[in-house]
C-alpha atoms as a PDB file:
ATOM      1  CA  UNK A   1      89.136 109.266 101.515  1.00  0.00           C
ATOM      2  CA  UNK A   2      91.917 106.522 103.333  1.00  0.00           C
ATOM      3  CA  UNK A   3      91.111 104.301 105.927  1.00  0.00           C
ATOM      4  CA  UNK A   4      93.513 103.896 109.006  1.00  0.00           C
ATOM      5  CA  UNK A   5      93.357 101.510 112.054  1.00  0.00           C
ATOM      6  CA  UNK A   6      94.132 102.901 115.524  1.00  0.00           C
ATOM      7  CA  UNK A   7      95.357 100.467 117.931  1.00  0.00           C
ATOM      8  CA  UNK A   8      95.524 101.471 121.945  1.00  0.00           C
ATOM      9  CA  UNK A   9      96.345 100.659 125.122  1.00  0.00           C
ATOM     10  CA  UNK A  10      95.069 101.309 128.735  1.00  0.00           C
ATOM     11  CA  UNK A  11      96.615 103.309 131.844  1.00  0.00           C
ATOM     12  CA  UNK A  12      94.339 102.049 134.208  1.00  0.00           C
ATOM     13  CA  UNK A  13      91.013 100.355 134.675  1.00  0.00           C
ATOM     14  CA  UNK A  14      89.754 102.389 137.163  1.00  0.00           C
ATOM     15  CA  UNK A  15      90.369 105.954 134.828  1.00  0.00           C
ATOM     16  CA  UNK A  16      88.622 103.995 132.015  1.00  0.00           C
ATOM     17  CA  UNK A  17      85.534 102.977 133.912  1.00  0.00           C
ATOM     18  CA  UNK A  18      85.177 106.338 135.520  1.00  0.00           C
ATOM     19  CA  UNK A  19      85.672 108.516 131.746  1.00  0.00           C
ATOM     20  CA  UNK A  20      83.724 105.741 129.563  1.00  0.00           C
ATOM     21  CA  UNK A  21      80.178 107.518 129.286  1.00  0.00           C
ATOM     22  CA  UNK A  22      81.837 110.826 127.747  1.00  0.00           C
ATOM     23  CA  UNK A  23      84.160 108.562 125.755  1.00  0.00           C
ATOM     24  CA  UNK A  24      80.860 106.501 124.187  1.00  0.00           C
ATOM     25  CA  UNK A  25      79.618 110.424 123.433  1.00  0.00           C
ATOM     26  CA  UNK A  26      82.745 111.452 121.323  1.00  0.00           C
ATOM     27  CA  UNK A  27      82.666 107.698 119.573  1.00  0.00           C
ATOM     28  CA  UNK A  28      78.945 108.261 118.879  1.00  0.00           C
ATOM     29  CA  UNK A  29      79.738 111.882 117.475  1.00  0.00           C
ATOM     30  CA  UNK A  30      82.229 110.633 115.152  1.00  0.00           C
ATOM     31  CA  UNK A  31      80.192 107.307 114.000  1.00  0.00           C
ATOM     32  CA  UNK A  32      77.479 110.200 113.168  1.00  0.00           C
ATOM     33  CA  UNK A  33      80.005 112.177 111.537  1.00  0.00           C
ATOM     34  CA  UNK A  34      80.719 109.394 109.342  1.00  0.00           C
ATOM     35  CA  UNK A  35      84.429 109.027 110.276  1.00  0.00           C
ATOM     36  CA  UNK A  36      84.431 106.260 112.670  1.00  0.00           C
ATOM     37  CA  UNK A  37      83.501 102.724 111.203  1.00  0.00           C
ATOM     38  CA  UNK A  38      83.556 100.474 114.400  1.00  0.00           C
ATOM     39  CA  UNK A  39      85.253 100.745 117.781  1.00  0.00           C
ATOM     40  CA  UNK A  40      85.551  98.420 120.720  1.00  0.00           C
ATOM     41  CA  UNK A  41      88.091  97.088 123.511  1.00  0.00           C
ATOM     42  CA  UNK A  42      89.866  93.324 122.876  1.00  0.00           C
ATOM     43  CA  UNK A  43      88.169  90.455 124.408  1.00  0.00           C
ATOM     44  CA  UNK A  44      89.944  90.447 127.302  1.00  0.00           C
ATOM     45  CA  UNK A  45      88.672  94.172 128.232  1.00  0.00           C
ATOM     46  CA  UNK A  46      91.389  94.835 129.645  1.00  0.00           C
ATOM     47  CA  UNK A  47      95.361  95.487 127.431  1.00  0.00           C
ATOM     48  CA  UNK A  48      93.416  97.818 125.096  1.00  0.00           C
ATOM     49  CA  UNK A  49      91.216  98.148 122.178  1.00  0.00           C
ATOM     50  CA  UNK A  50      90.912  98.921 118.579  1.00  0.00           C
ATOM     51  CA  UNK A  51      89.205 101.844 115.728  1.00  0.00           C
ATOM     52  CA  UNK A  52      88.727 101.865 112.319  1.00  0.00           C
ATOM     53  CA  UNK A  53      88.666 105.632 110.972  1.00  0.00           C
ATOM     54  CA  UNK A  54      87.975 106.824 107.046  1.00  0.00           C
ATOM     55  CA  UNK A  55      89.472 110.198 107.129  1.00  0.00           C
ATOM     56  CA  UNK A  56      91.773 112.909 104.734  1.00  0.00           C
ATOM     57  CA  UNK A  57      95.007 111.643 106.710  1.00  0.00           C
ATOM     58  CA  UNK A  58      96.894 110.112 109.674  1.00  0.00           C
ATOM     59  CA  UNK A  59      96.523 113.859 111.288  1.00  0.00           C
ATOM     60  CA  UNK A  60      92.882 114.421 110.592  1.00  0.00           C
ATOM     61  CA  UNK A  61      92.765 110.905 112.620  1.00  0.00           C
ATOM     62  CA  UNK A  62      94.917 111.853 115.344  1.00  0.00           C
ATOM     63  CA  UNK A  63      93.277 115.030 115.943  1.00  0.00           C
ATOM     64  CA  UNK A  64      89.900 113.049 116.615  1.00  0.00           C
ATOM     65  CA  UNK A  65      91.548 110.555 118.830  1.00  0.00           C
ATOM     66  CA  UNK A  66      93.584 113.535 121.020  1.00  0.00           C
ATOM     67  CA  UNK A  67      90.048 114.966 120.990  1.00  0.00           C
ATOM     68  CA  UNK A  68      88.685 111.790 122.940  1.00  0.00           C
ATOM     69  CA  UNK A  69      88.445 111.621 126.572  1.00  0.00           C
ATOM     70  CA  UNK A  70      90.593 108.502 126.779  1.00  0.00           C
ATOM     71  CA  UNK A  71      93.344 110.660 125.263  1.00  0.00           C
ATOM     72  CA  UNK A  72      92.911 114.138 127.920  1.00  0.00           C
ATOM     73  CA  UNK A  73      91.623 112.292 131.043  1.00  0.00           C
ATOM     74  CA  UNK A  74      95.133 109.554 130.826  1.00  0.00           C
ATOM     75  CA  UNK A  75      93.116 106.310 129.790  1.00  0.00           C
ATOM     76  CA  UNK A  76      95.476 105.532 126.561  1.00  0.00           C
ATOM     77  CA  UNK A  77      98.912 104.519 127.304  1.00  0.00           C
ATOM     78  CA  UNK A  78      99.639 104.443 123.855  1.00  0.00           C
ATOM     79  CA  UNK A  79      98.179 105.309 120.075  1.00  0.00           C
ATOM     80  CA  UNK A  80      99.292 103.707 117.306  1.00  0.00           C
ATOM     81  CA  UNK A  81      97.876 104.693 114.239  1.00  0.00           C
ATOM     82  CA  UNK A  82      97.849 102.545 110.916  1.00  0.00           C
ATOM     83  CA  UNK A  83      96.951 103.266 107.325  1.00  0.00           C
ATOM     84  CA  UNK A  84      94.646 100.706 106.016  1.00  0.00           C
ATOM     85  CA  UNK A  85      93.802  98.908 102.955  1.00  0.00           C
ATOM     86  CA  UNK A  86      90.834  97.483 102.621  1.00  0.00           C
ATOM     87  CA  UNK A  87      90.308  94.662  99.983  1.00  0.00           C
ATOM     88  CA  UNK A  88      86.988  93.232 100.250  1.00  0.00           C
ATOM     89  CA  UNK A  89      83.989  94.616 102.071  1.00  0.00           C
END
């Protein structure tokens, strides 16, 4: 399994607030499955956020992110998936 960092930006705070409950349900499911290690917005809470996944491939991460209500409802303006090499715990 490899680790991946996902950077996102938001389109609209109104859309974000409207779809946050179902987004969090989706994230909780991914945590329960062991795929999502952590997630959250950047400190300013308006520009975007970050998620760290453990998965077989970037394509698997992309499928999980594409199923997120923040993606399907147009909350994410951009999504960048980058492989990550963990050196220390």
